[in-house]
Amino acid sequence: MSIYGGMFSGVSALAAQSQAFGIISDNIANVNTVGYKASKARFQTLVTESITNSRYSPGGVLARPFVNPEKQGLLQGSTSTTDLAIVGDGFFVVNNNSDPANNGGDYLLTRAGSFVEDEDGNLANNAGFFLQGWRTDSSGNIVNATTKDQLSSLETVNLAGFTSVSNPTTEAQLAVNLPANATTSSTQTTNLTIYDSLGVDHLLTINWTKSAASNIWDYSIDVTNNAGTTTAGVVAGTIEFDPADGTIQDIDGGGLATGALAQTTVPVTVAQFSSGAAASSITINWGTVGQSNGMSQLSRGYEATLLNQNGSSPSTLIAVDVDNEGIVTARFENGDTRPIYKLAIGTVPAATQLKSENGNAYTLSSGSGDLLLTEAGLQGAGTIEASALESSTVDLSDEFTDLIITQRAYSAATRLITTGDELLDEIIRVKR
């Protein structure tokens, strides 16, 4: 029995070393695969009977693959802003379908972050898996934050829907000098282009009229829509200047304290926009009381040194940026930026128990535990590095060393079988 057992042990050794050879071969083949995690063969004994003081029953050996999908690989720089790497634990959440909400698809986990835009504007990696994230509002807040822990809250990061966007004007800032030697009832005019929610431009006009009272000017604000129709006197009020230095002292008789911000709100209704855009509320910042950073009344004559507003007409998307928190920010041709997505990071309690899939991806198994969706840098998840890729964790020197050891072990296992055969042959010759 021991001879046969020894031969069976040799056969199991051949199978185990063959599997180890296959693992090493895969590692070497994927030395340049982005995000690839090297596997290792771990050997364990097989026991047919318990060992006693007088008897030993050979069992053999079994090889099992082991891989740590979260093992950190070296980062290598890239020129693409959509090449992403995770520093720390966690995985990018991807799907093999570009529209999982309507067409289904399988959610997978991967560290392969070489994402590029396909013909439909979707970000997909080399394996064809589509990057998943949460849509955000213009402030970077997750739109469906109450359900963000569910896979159904995710969607494929798509840039095609942001090729042209506009921003309505909500704030304006002025730095204008009104002439101190102006005569009573003399007027000055300041024009400022504003944009509605549809990106259509309109003209906001501020008419300044010198009051009979010292250091006080009356103002009225008109809006001329894109069709050329003017609504006069949308807002009216007074602005008062400090006689000591010509800086703004008060707005609309509100009795502002030194250092307070002087502001006026201009409500623009739907009727005043010929485009049919939504109503707007524009806050005009006249400056800080007692400081020379806004409106002033000095003798140098009328002069507008700053006319600024935060609206914009439609502009083309030129690039996206991703920060270490996973916020995808779109950059437009006119210089505007807007957060559009926040990338989801997937973590599991036992990453080493994940099931490997084609395309350098992983799925859940009974031993891995449930998937937790979280944001980068929270709940133990790593951060995201843009314009970088995570290299394969394969070390060629280690693999070649293991290859030599495996080859020698395989050769030794063959000797077990040939030696057992010779022993059996000896027994047969004894009978003869």
Protein backbone atom coordinates (compact mmCIF):
# COMPACT_ATOMS: atom_id res chain seq x y z
CA MET A 1 0.00 0.00 0.00
CA SER A 2 2.85 2.37 0.80
CA ILE A 3 4.38 1.93 -2.69
CA TYR A 4 1.08 2.64 -4.39
CA GLY A 5 0.47 5.44 -1.93
CA GLY A 6 3.87 6.90 -2.73
CA MET A 7 3.13 6.76 -6.44
CA PHE A 8 -0.24 8.43 -5.93
CA SER A 9 1.54 11.04 -3.84
CA GLY A 10 3.88 11.62 -6.78
CA VAL A 11 0.93 11.99 -9.12
CA SER A 12 -0.65 14.56 -6.81
CA ALA A 13 2.70 16.38 -6.69
CA LEU A 14 2.76 16.50 -10.49
CA ALA A 15 -0.76 17.96 -10.53
CA ALA A 16 0.10 20.49 -7.83
CA GLN A 17 3.32 21.60 -9.51
CA SER A 18 1.51 21.78 -12.87
CA GLN A 19 -1.00 24.14 -11.31
CA ALA A 20 1.81 26.18 -9.78
CA PHE A 21 3.46 26.36 -13.20
CA GLY A 22 0.20 27.63 -14.71
CA ILE A 23 -0.08 30.31 -12.04
CA ILE A 24 3.51 31.46 -12.62
CA SER A 25 2.90 31.49 -16.38
CA ASP A 26 -0.16 33.72 -15.96
CA ASN A 27 1.77 36.08 -13.71
CA ILE A 28 4.61 36.46 -16.20
CA ALA A 29 2.13 36.93 -19.05
CA ASN A 30 0.42 39.75 -17.13
CA VAL A 31 3.53 41.58 -15.97
CA ASN A 32 2.38 44.67 -17.92
CA THR A 33 -1.36 44.33 -17.30
CA VAL A 34 -2.71 47.43 -15.53
CA GLY A 35 -4.09 46.63 -12.09
CA TYR A 36 -3.20 42.93 -12.30
CA LYS A 37 -2.64 41.17 -8.97
CA ALA A 38 -0.10 38.36 -8.90
CA SER A 39 -1.35 34.95 -7.77
CA LYS A 40 0.64 32.54 -5.67
CA ALA A 41 0.37 28.76 -5.34
CA ARG A 42 -0.13 27.69 -1.75
CA PHE A 43 0.47 24.01 -1.03
CA GLN A 44 -1.30 21.89 1.55
CA THR A 45 -0.94 18.25 2.55
CA LEU A 46 -3.47 15.52 1.91
CA VAL A 47 -3.89 12.92 4.65
CA THR A 48 -5.57 9.55 4.06
CA GLU A 49 -4.99 8.12 7.55
CA SER A 50 -3.69 9.52 10.79
CA ILE A 51 0.00 8.93 11.40
CA THR A 52 0.86 6.46 14.18
CA ASN A 53 4.13 5.34 15.73
CA SER A 54 4.17 2.26 13.55
CA ARG A 55 2.32 3.25 10.38
CA TYR A 56 2.49 6.01 7.80
CA SER A 57 0.02 6.31 4.93
CA PRO A 58 1.07 8.66 2.10
CA GLY A 59 -1.50 11.26 1.11
CA GLY A 60 0.04 13.75 -1.28
CA VAL A 61 -0.20 17.45 -1.85
CA LEU A 62 -2.72 19.94 -3.17
CA ALA A 63 -2.01 23.39 -4.68
CA ARG A 64 -4.48 26.21 -4.23
CA PRO A 65 -4.18 29.62 -5.85
CA PHE A 66 -4.07 32.67 -3.59
CA VAL A 67 -4.44 36.29 -4.67
CA ASN A 68 -4.92 39.52 -2.78
CA PRO A 69 -6.91 41.80 -5.11
CA GLU A 70 -6.26 44.82 -2.88
CA LYS A 71 -2.47 44.49 -2.84
CA GLN A 72 -1.08 47.90 -3.73
CA GLY A 73 0.80 48.13 -7.00
CA LEU A 74 3.24 50.87 -7.93
CA LEU A 75 1.69 53.94 -9.55
CA GLN A 76 2.88 55.07 -12.95
CA GLY A 77 2.13 58.51 -14.36
CA SER A 78 -0.12 59.02 -17.36
CA THR A 79 -1.05 61.92 -19.63
CA SER A 80 -4.75 61.05 -19.57
CA THR A 81 -6.93 62.60 -16.87
CA THR A 82 -9.28 59.60 -17.05
CA ASP A 83 -6.53 57.14 -16.16
CA LEU A 84 -7.26 56.41 -12.50
CA ALA A 85 -5.62 54.50 -9.68
CA ILE A 86 -6.70 53.70 -6.13
CA VAL A 87 -4.25 54.35 -3.31
CA GLY A 88 -5.33 52.06 -0.48
CA ASP A 89 -8.16 49.55 -0.21
CA GLY A 90 -11.19 49.27 -2.44
CA PHE A 91 -12.13 48.83 -6.07
CA PHE A 92 -13.67 50.76 -8.91
CA VAL A 93 -17.24 49.63 -9.49
CA VAL A 94 -17.86 48.74 -13.14
CA ASN A 95 -20.58 47.09 -15.20
CA ASN A 96 -20.41 45.10 -18.41
CA ASN A 97 -23.43 47.02 -19.71
CA SER A 98 -23.38 50.73 -20.47
CA ASP A 99 -26.98 51.18 -19.26
CA PRO A 100 -27.48 48.84 -16.30
CA ALA A 101 -30.58 50.68 -15.09
CA ASN A 102 -32.52 49.73 -18.23
CA ASN A 103 -30.64 46.80 -19.73
CA GLY A 104 -29.31 45.01 -16.67
CA GLY A 105 -25.73 43.81 -16.53
CA ASP A 106 -23.31 42.48 -13.97
CA TYR A 107 -21.58 44.73 -11.46
CA LEU A 108 -17.91 43.90 -11.01
CA LEU A 109 -14.95 45.22 -9.06
CA THR A 110 -11.60 46.13 -10.59
CA ARG A 111 -8.38 48.01 -9.95
CA ALA A 112 -7.73 48.42 -13.69
CA GLY A 113 -8.36 52.14 -14.09
CA SER A 114 -7.35 52.80 -17.70
CA PHE A 115 -10.67 54.41 -18.64
CA VAL A 116 -11.27 56.09 -21.99
CA GLU A 117 -14.33 57.66 -23.58
CA ASP A 118 -16.13 55.44 -26.10
CA GLU A 119 -18.18 56.56 -29.10
CA ASP A 120 -21.20 57.21 -26.85
CA GLY A 121 -19.27 59.24 -24.27
CA ASN A 122 -19.12 56.43 -21.69
CA LEU A 123 -15.92 55.85 -19.72
CA ALA A 124 -14.81 52.23 -20.19
CA ASN A 125 -11.55 50.41 -19.43
CA ASN A 126 -9.54 48.10 -21.69
CA ALA A 127 -11.75 45.14 -20.80
CA GLY A 128 -14.87 47.01 -21.92
CA PHE A 129 -16.25 47.51 -18.40
CA PHE A 130 -18.06 50.79 -17.79
CA LEU A 131 -17.12 53.00 -14.84
CA GLN A 132 -19.93 53.60 -12.32
CA GLY A 133 -20.56 56.67 -10.18
CA TRP A 134 -23.18 58.89 -8.63
CA ARG A 135 -24.47 61.94 -10.49
CA THR A 136 -23.91 65.22 -8.63
CA ASP A 137 -25.43 68.66 -8.67
CA SER A 138 -23.45 71.78 -9.62
CA SER A 139 -22.09 71.99 -6.05
CA GLY A 140 -20.68 68.45 -6.09
CA ASN A 141 -23.36 66.92 -3.84
CA ILE A 142 -24.64 63.45 -4.72
CA VAL A 143 -28.14 63.82 -6.18
CA ASN A 144 -29.56 60.57 -4.76
CA ALA A 145 -27.55 60.63 -1.54
CA THR A 146 -30.30 58.87 0.44
CA THR A 147 -29.90 55.68 -1.63
CA LYS A 148 -26.19 55.88 -2.46
CA ASP A 149 -25.48 52.60 -0.65
CA GLN A 150 -27.50 50.73 -3.29
CA LEU A 151 -26.17 49.62 -6.67
CA SER A 152 -29.30 51.02 -8.30
CA SER A 153 -28.13 54.52 -7.35
CA LEU A 154 -25.14 54.22 -9.68
CA GLU A 155 -24.96 55.08 -13.34
CA THR A 156 -22.31 54.87 -16.03
CA VAL A 157 -20.08 57.94 -16.11
CA ASN A 158 -21.04 59.54 -19.41
CA LEU A 159 -19.54 62.76 -20.74
CA ALA A 160 -21.71 63.13 -23.83
CA GLY A 161 -24.52 64.82 -21.92
CA PHE A 162 -22.23 67.65 -20.83
CA THR A 163 -20.84 68.72 -24.20
CA SER A 164 -22.71 72.02 -23.93
CA VAL A 165 -23.92 73.62 -20.72
CA SER A 166 -24.72 77.10 -19.49
CA ASN A 167 -24.80 78.79 -16.09
CA PRO A 168 -27.47 81.34 -15.11
CA THR A 169 -26.29 84.55 -13.52
CA THR A 170 -26.90 84.51 -9.78
CA GLU A 171 -24.22 86.92 -8.57
CA ALA A 172 -22.60 90.09 -9.90
CA GLN A 173 -19.80 92.25 -8.56
CA LEU A 174 -19.18 95.88 -9.46
CA ALA A 175 -16.32 98.30 -8.90
CA VAL A 176 -17.47 101.67 -10.27
CA ASN A 177 -16.40 105.22 -9.45
CA LEU A 178 -19.06 107.92 -9.62
CA PRO A 179 -17.73 111.49 -10.09
CA ALA A 180 -17.67 113.44 -6.84
CA ASN A 181 -18.11 116.78 -8.65
CA ALA A 182 -21.22 115.67 -10.55
CA THR A 183 -24.13 118.15 -10.61
CA THR A 184 -27.55 117.32 -9.19
CA SER A 185 -29.67 115.10 -11.52
CA SER A 186 -26.69 114.23 -13.73
CA THR A 187 -26.68 110.57 -14.76
CA GLN A 188 -24.22 107.78 -15.46
CA THR A 189 -24.93 104.32 -16.87
CA THR A 190 -23.38 100.92 -16.18
CA ASN A 191 -24.19 97.99 -18.49
CA LEU A 192 -23.69 94.34 -17.57
CA THR A 193 -24.48 91.24 -19.63
CA ILE A 194 -26.34 88.54 -17.70
CA TYR A 195 -27.44 85.02 -18.67
CA ASP A 196 -30.67 83.18 -18.00
CA SER A 197 -31.05 79.48 -17.16
CA LEU A 198 -31.03 78.59 -20.87
CA GLY A 199 -27.78 80.43 -21.54
CA VAL A 200 -29.41 83.34 -23.40
CA ASP A 201 -27.75 86.70 -22.79
CA HIS A 202 -29.66 89.81 -21.67
CA LEU A 203 -28.63 93.33 -20.73
CA LEU A 204 -28.80 94.58 -17.16
CA THR A 205 -28.51 98.39 -16.99
CA ILE A 206 -27.82 100.40 -13.83
CA ASN A 207 -28.77 104.09 -14.10
CA TRP A 208 -27.04 106.40 -11.60
CA THR A 209 -28.58 109.80 -10.83
CA LYS A 210 -26.88 112.34 -8.55
CA SER A 211 -29.17 113.26 -5.66
CA ALA A 212 -29.57 116.76 -4.31
CA ALA A 213 -28.32 115.40 -0.98
CA SER A 214 -24.56 115.33 -0.58
CA ASN A 215 -22.72 112.07 -1.32
CA ILE A 216 -25.90 110.21 -2.29
CA TRP A 217 -26.80 108.72 -5.67
CA ASP A 218 -30.09 107.21 -6.72
CA TYR A 219 -29.97 104.08 -8.83
CA SER A 220 -32.50 102.10 -10.85
CA ILE A 221 -31.95 98.79 -12.59
CA ASP A 222 -33.48 97.94 -15.96
CA VAL A 223 -33.46 94.61 -17.79
CA THR A 224 -33.47 94.47 -21.58
CA ASN A 225 -34.20 90.96 -22.79
CA ASN A 226 -32.77 89.29 -25.85
CA ALA A 227 -35.72 90.41 -27.96
CA GLY A 228 -34.95 94.07 -27.19
CA THR A 229 -37.83 94.72 -24.78
CA THR A 230 -36.84 96.74 -21.71
CA THR A 231 -38.40 96.45 -18.28
CA ALA A 232 -37.51 99.66 -16.46
CA GLY A 233 -37.16 100.09 -12.72
CA VAL A 234 -36.90 96.42 -11.78
CA VAL A 235 -35.10 97.56 -8.66
CA ALA A 236 -34.43 101.09 -7.36
CA GLY A 237 -32.64 102.49 -4.35
CA THR A 238 -29.94 104.81 -3.04
CA ILE A 239 -26.24 104.47 -2.40
CA GLU A 240 -24.37 106.72 0.03
CA PHE A 241 -20.63 107.44 0.17
CA ASP A 242 -18.39 108.43 3.05
CA PRO A 243 -17.33 112.10 2.66
CA ALA A 244 -14.03 111.32 4.38
CA ASP A 245 -12.62 108.94 1.74
CA GLY A 246 -15.27 108.35 -0.93
CA THR A 247 -15.85 104.71 -0.02
CA ILE A 248 -19.31 103.20 0.13
CA GLN A 249 -21.08 103.97 3.40
CA ASP A 250 -24.61 102.66 3.05
CA ILE A 251 -27.01 101.05 0.61
CA ASP A 252 -30.77 101.72 0.53
CA GLY A 253 -30.64 103.38 3.95
CA GLY A 254 -29.98 100.08 5.70
CA GLY A 255 -27.48 101.53 8.16
CA LEU A 256 -24.70 99.06 7.40
CA ALA A 257 -21.79 98.76 9.82
CA THR A 258 -18.19 99.20 8.76
CA GLY A 259 -16.94 96.01 7.11
CA ALA A 260 -20.41 94.81 6.16
CA LEU A 261 -21.11 93.69 2.61
CA ALA A 262 -23.37 96.02 0.63
CA GLN A 263 -25.73 93.96 -1.56
CA THR A 264 -28.89 94.33 -3.60
CA THR A 265 -31.08 91.48 -4.88
CA VAL A 266 -32.52 91.84 -8.39
CA PRO A 267 -35.51 89.54 -9.04
CA VAL A 268 -35.87 88.80 -12.76
CA THR A 269 -39.19 87.15 -13.60
CA VAL A 270 -40.01 84.77 -16.43
CA ALA A 271 -41.82 87.52 -18.28
CA GLN A 272 -38.65 89.57 -18.43
CA PHE A 273 -36.82 86.74 -20.26
CA SER A 274 -37.94 86.45 -23.86
CA SER A 275 -36.36 82.99 -24.03
CA GLY A 276 -38.88 81.48 -21.62
CA ALA A 277 -36.15 80.68 -19.13
CA ALA A 278 -36.85 80.23 -15.45
CA ALA A 279 -36.99 83.26 -13.16
CA SER A 280 -33.68 84.39 -11.68
CA SER A 281 -32.56 86.14 -8.54
CA ILE A 282 -29.32 88.08 -8.99
CA THR A 283 -27.38 89.35 -5.99
CA ILE A 284 -25.30 92.44 -6.77
CA ASN A 285 -22.29 93.03 -4.56
CA TRP A 286 -21.52 96.76 -4.42
CA GLY A 287 -18.48 96.35 -2.16
CA THR A 288 -17.56 96.43 1.53
CA VAL A 289 -18.51 99.39 3.71
CA GLY A 290 -15.43 101.45 4.54
CA GLN A 291 -13.17 99.65 2.02
CA SER A 292 -12.14 100.64 -1.49
CA ASN A 293 -13.03 97.31 -3.11
CA GLY A 294 -16.28 98.25 -4.81
CA MET A 295 -18.31 101.42 -5.39
CA SER A 296 -16.60 104.76 -4.78
CA GLN A 297 -17.20 108.48 -5.25
CA LEU A 298 -14.01 110.32 -6.18
CA SER A 299 -13.19 113.22 -8.45
CA ARG A 300 -11.57 111.30 -11.30
CA GLY A 301 -14.84 110.91 -13.22
CA TYR A 302 -17.01 107.94 -14.07
CA GLU A 303 -15.01 104.75 -14.38
CA ALA A 304 -15.93 101.05 -14.24
CA THR A 305 -12.93 99.00 -13.16
CA LEU A 306 -14.74 95.71 -12.47
CA LEU A 307 -17.89 94.27 -13.99
CA ASN A 308 -18.11 90.62 -13.10
CA GLN A 309 -20.91 88.02 -13.04
CA ASN A 310 -20.97 84.23 -12.68
CA GLY A 311 -23.22 83.31 -15.61
CA SER A 312 -22.15 81.93 -18.95
CA SER A 313 -23.46 81.07 -22.37
CA PRO A 314 -23.39 77.48 -23.66
CA SER A 315 -19.84 76.16 -23.88
CA THR A 316 -18.21 72.96 -25.13
CA LEU A 317 -16.70 70.39 -22.80
CA ILE A 318 -12.93 70.18 -23.35
CA ALA A 319 -11.71 67.94 -20.51
CA VAL A 320 -12.54 66.38 -17.17
CA ASP A 321 -10.57 66.32 -13.94
CA VAL A 322 -10.87 63.81 -11.09
CA ASP A 323 -9.76 64.70 -7.57
CA ASN A 324 -8.68 62.31 -4.80
CA GLU A 325 -12.24 62.20 -3.45
CA GLY A 326 -13.51 60.88 -6.78
CA ILE A 327 -15.33 64.03 -7.90
CA VAL A 328 -15.38 64.25 -11.69
CA THR A 329 -15.27 67.90 -12.71
CA ALA A 330 -16.00 69.00 -16.26
CA ARG A 331 -13.94 71.83 -17.77
CA PHE A 332 -15.54 73.89 -20.51
CA GLU A 333 -14.17 76.03 -23.31
CA ASN A 334 -15.21 79.28 -21.65
CA GLY A 335 -13.22 78.44 -18.51
CA ASP A 336 -16.18 77.29 -16.41
CA THR A 337 -15.99 74.12 -14.35
CA ARG A 338 -18.78 71.96 -12.95
CA PRO A 339 -18.84 68.75 -10.86
CA ILE A 340 -20.82 66.12 -12.74
CA TYR A 341 -20.16 62.77 -11.02
CA LYS A 342 -18.66 61.26 -7.90
CA LEU A 343 -17.00 57.89 -8.35
CA ALA A 344 -18.08 55.02 -6.12
CA ILE A 345 -15.56 52.82 -4.32
CA GLY A 346 -16.53 49.24 -3.54
CA THR A 347 -15.13 47.37 -0.53
CA VAL A 348 -15.76 43.88 0.89
CA PRO A 349 -14.86 42.31 4.27
CA ALA A 350 -12.66 39.58 2.71
CA ALA A 351 -11.16 40.73 -0.57
CA THR A 352 -8.99 37.60 -0.88
CA GLN A 353 -12.18 35.55 -1.24
CA LEU A 354 -13.42 37.44 -4.31
CA LYS A 355 -13.96 35.41 -7.45
CA SER A 356 -11.71 36.30 -10.39
CA GLU A 357 -13.37 37.05 -13.74
CA ASN A 358 -12.13 37.77 -17.25
CA GLY A 359 -10.92 41.31 -17.81
CA ASN A 360 -8.98 41.63 -14.55
CA ALA A 361 -12.19 41.99 -12.55
CA TYR A 362 -13.78 40.32 -9.55
CA THR A 363 -17.24 39.35 -8.37
CA LEU A 364 -18.59 38.54 -4.93
CA SER A 365 -18.46 35.03 -3.53
CA SER A 366 -19.95 33.35 -0.49
CA GLY A 367 -16.71 33.95 1.39
CA SER A 368 -16.04 37.57 0.40
CA GLY A 369 -18.96 39.14 2.23
CA ASP A 370 -21.35 41.76 0.92
CA LEU A 371 -20.38 44.77 -1.16
CA LEU A 372 -20.22 48.16 0.55
CA LEU A 373 -20.49 51.24 -1.65
CA THR A 374 -18.65 54.21 -0.22
CA GLU A 375 -16.87 57.40 -1.19
CA ALA A 376 -13.14 57.63 -1.67
CA GLY A 377 -11.33 58.21 1.61
CA LEU A 378 -14.27 57.15 3.79
CA GLN A 379 -14.98 53.96 5.75
CA GLY A 380 -11.55 52.50 5.08
CA ALA A 381 -11.65 53.07 1.32
CA GLY A 382 -8.57 54.41 -0.44
CA THR A 383 -8.26 57.67 -2.31
CA ILE A 384 -8.18 58.17 -6.06
CA GLU A 385 -5.15 59.34 -8.01
CA ALA A 386 -5.90 60.79 -11.45
CA SER A 387 -3.50 60.69 -14.41
CA ALA A 388 -1.98 57.54 -12.92
CA LEU A 389 -2.30 53.79 -13.39
CA GLU A 390 -1.63 51.01 -10.92
CA SER A 391 1.05 48.67 -12.22
CA SER A 392 0.90 44.89 -12.04
CA THR A 393 2.13 43.47 -8.73
CA VAL A 394 4.13 40.78 -10.56
CA ASP A 395 7.84 40.70 -9.59
CA LEU A 396 9.69 38.98 -12.42
CA SER A 397 12.66 38.04 -10.26
CA ASP A 398 10.36 36.24 -7.81
CA GLU A 399 8.47 34.55 -10.64
CA PHE A 400 11.62 33.20 -12.29
CA THR A 401 12.86 31.94 -8.93
CA ASP A 402 9.53 30.20 -8.34
CA LEU A 403 9.67 28.84 -11.88
CA ILE A 404 13.01 27.15 -11.25
CA ILE A 405 11.81 25.71 -7.93
CA THR A 406 8.60 24.44 -9.57
CA GLN A 407 10.55 22.82 -12.39
CA ARG A 408 12.83 21.01 -9.93
CA ALA A 409 9.87 19.93 -7.79
CA TYR A 410 8.08 18.61 -10.88
CA SER A 411 11.16 16.65 -11.95
CA ALA A 412 11.49 15.22 -8.44
CA ALA A 413 7.83 14.16 -8.51
CA THR A 414 8.41 12.21 -11.71
CA ARG A 415 11.22 10.36 -9.94
CA LEU A 416 8.73 9.28 -7.28
CA ILE A 417 6.65 7.55 -9.94
CA THR A 418 9.57 5.94 -11.75
CA THR A 419 11.08 4.78 -8.45
CA GLY A 420 7.74 3.30 -7.35
CA ASP A 421 7.52 1.50 -10.68
CA GLU A 422 10.98 0.04 -10.15
CA LEU A 423 10.01 -1.14 -6.66
CA LEU A 424 6.93 -2.90 -8.02
CA ASP A 425 9.03 -4.46 -10.73
CA GLU A 426 11.38 -5.82 -8.06
CA ILE A 427 8.45 -7.42 -6.25
CA ILE A 428 7.27 -9.04 -9.48
CA ARG A 429 10.74 -10.45 -10.16
CA VAL A 430 10.85 -11.93 -6.65
CA LYS A 431 7.75 -14.00 -7.46
CA ARG A 432 9.32 -15.24 -10.66
